[in-house]
């Protein structure tokens, strides 16, 4: 049953996987892709994520992302960029993988913790 639900979830998430990020949470998608691109093009230092600040100045300002979580998804996306290039679908594969692996892992650990234990 879990496999069927996860398979259906993957199929739904693969819909328009190559489309640019212009859906409901596009601000989050574009920030993730921007940080991943900057990891890929500049520095693969996980602790120095950078964003592009858009201003009216001639030279676009660069800055670090402040007050956010550890940038694991953009970092893994940047690693995949080295193999596949900068593509929209690459930035969506990592969250899909987490969406599939998290329920699988948590179900396994929950089942193990609920299993009856033999008493000595």
Protein backbone atom coordinates (compact mmCIF):
# COMPACT_ATOMS: atom_id res chain seq x y z
CA UNK A 1 0.00 0.00 0.00
CA UNK A 2 2.81 2.42 0.92
CA UNK A 3 4.56 1.64 -2.36
CA UNK A 4 1.41 2.45 -4.34
CA UNK A 5 0.97 5.77 -2.56
CA UNK A 6 4.63 6.68 -3.02
CA UNK A 7 4.47 5.72 -6.70
CA UNK A 8 1.40 7.88 -7.20
CA UNK A 9 3.14 10.74 -5.39
CA UNK A 10 6.17 10.45 -7.66
CA UNK A 11 4.00 10.44 -10.77
CA UNK A 12 2.19 13.57 -9.61
CA UNK A 13 5.48 15.32 -8.84
CA UNK A 14 6.94 14.42 -12.24
CA UNK A 15 4.17 16.34 -14.00
CA UNK A 16 5.83 19.25 -15.86
CA UNK A 17 9.18 18.52 -14.21
CA UNK A 18 11.03 20.43 -16.94
CA UNK A 19 8.90 23.59 -16.61
CA UNK A 20 10.42 26.72 -15.07
CA UNK A 21 9.50 27.47 -11.46
CA UNK A 22 6.37 29.58 -11.81
CA UNK A 23 3.91 27.69 -9.65
CA UNK A 24 2.38 28.32 -6.21
CA UNK A 25 5.68 28.50 -4.28
CA UNK A 26 7.83 29.94 -7.04
CA UNK A 27 9.74 32.25 -4.67
CA UNK A 28 11.02 29.26 -2.72
CA UNK A 29 11.83 27.27 -5.84
CA UNK A 30 13.73 30.16 -7.40
CA UNK A 31 15.70 30.83 -4.22
CA UNK A 32 16.68 27.16 -3.99
CA UNK A 33 17.72 27.08 -7.66
CA UNK A 34 19.63 30.37 -7.30
CA UNK A 35 21.61 29.13 -4.31
CA UNK A 36 22.28 25.82 -6.10
CA UNK A 37 23.50 27.66 -9.19
CA UNK A 38 25.82 29.81 -7.06
CA UNK A 39 27.20 26.72 -5.33
CA UNK A 40 27.82 25.21 -8.77
CA UNK A 41 29.37 28.29 -10.40
CA UNK A 42 31.31 29.77 -7.50
CA UNK A 43 32.03 27.67 -4.44
CA UNK A 44 30.83 24.31 -3.21
CA UNK A 45 31.19 25.51 0.39
CA UNK A 46 28.02 24.33 2.15
CA UNK A 47 28.38 27.02 4.80
CA UNK A 48 28.55 29.96 2.35
CA UNK A 49 25.33 29.92 0.32
CA UNK A 50 24.96 32.99 -1.89
CA UNK A 51 22.02 34.73 -3.55
CA UNK A 52 21.88 37.34 -6.30
CA UNK A 53 20.57 40.66 -5.03
CA UNK A 54 18.89 42.56 -7.86
CA UNK A 55 19.27 46.32 -7.63
CA UNK A 56 19.31 49.30 -9.93
CA UNK A 57 23.10 49.50 -9.59
CA UNK A 58 25.23 48.67 -12.61
CA UNK A 59 26.95 45.88 -10.73
CA UNK A 60 24.60 43.34 -9.19
CA UNK A 61 25.29 42.92 -5.50
CA UNK A 62 26.11 39.47 -4.16
CA UNK A 63 25.27 38.35 -0.70
CA UNK A 64 25.10 35.46 1.65
CA UNK A 65 21.80 33.91 2.61
CA UNK A 66 21.11 34.83 6.20
CA UNK A 67 18.78 33.31 8.73
CA UNK A 68 17.91 30.18 6.80
CA UNK A 69 18.24 26.47 7.26
CA UNK A 70 21.28 24.44 6.26
CA UNK A 71 21.17 24.45 2.46
CA UNK A 72 21.19 20.68 1.90
CA UNK A 73 18.74 20.61 -1.04
CA UNK A 74 20.54 23.35 -3.03
CA UNK A 75 23.88 21.71 -2.26
CA UNK A 76 22.73 18.30 -3.53
CA UNK A 77 21.21 20.03 -6.55
CA UNK A 78 24.56 21.73 -7.26
CA UNK A 79 26.29 18.35 -7.13
CA UNK A 80 23.82 17.04 -9.73
CA UNK A 81 24.47 20.14 -11.86
CA UNK A 82 28.03 18.89 -12.28
CA UNK A 83 26.68 15.75 -13.96
CA UNK A 84 23.62 17.02 -15.85
CA UNK A 85 24.17 20.77 -16.23
CA UNK A 86 21.83 23.50 -15.02
CA UNK A 87 18.35 22.23 -15.83
CA UNK A 88 15.03 22.92 -14.10
CA UNK A 89 14.28 19.20 -13.67
CA UNK A 90 17.52 18.67 -11.73
CA UNK A 91 16.35 21.11 -9.08
CA UNK A 92 13.14 19.14 -8.66
CA UNK A 93 14.62 15.66 -8.44
CA UNK A 94 16.18 16.20 -5.00
CA UNK A 95 12.92 17.24 -3.25
CA UNK A 96 11.12 14.36 -4.99
CA UNK A 97 13.75 11.95 -3.66
CA UNK A 98 13.28 13.33 -0.14
CA UNK A 99 9.49 13.06 -0.52
CA UNK A 100 9.83 9.37 -1.37
CA UNK A 101 12.62 8.41 1.03
CA UNK A 102 11.33 10.18 4.16
CA UNK A 103 8.06 8.20 4.49
CA UNK A 104 9.88 4.99 3.61
CA UNK A 105 12.55 5.55 6.25
CA UNK A 106 10.14 6.73 8.91
CA UNK A 107 7.79 3.80 8.30
CA UNK A 108 10.68 1.37 8.66
CA UNK A 109 11.94 2.92 11.89
CA UNK A 110 8.40 3.18 13.28
CA UNK A 111 7.73 -0.48 12.49
CA UNK A 112 10.99 -1.48 14.12
CA UNK A 113 10.23 0.49 17.27
CA UNK A 114 6.74 -1.01 17.53
CA UNK A 115 7.86 -4.62 17.02
CA UNK A 116 7.46 -6.83 20.06
CA UNK A 117 10.74 -7.46 21.87
CA UNK A 118 11.75 -10.76 23.33
CA UNK A 119 12.23 -10.67 27.08
CA UNK A 120 15.29 -12.37 28.55
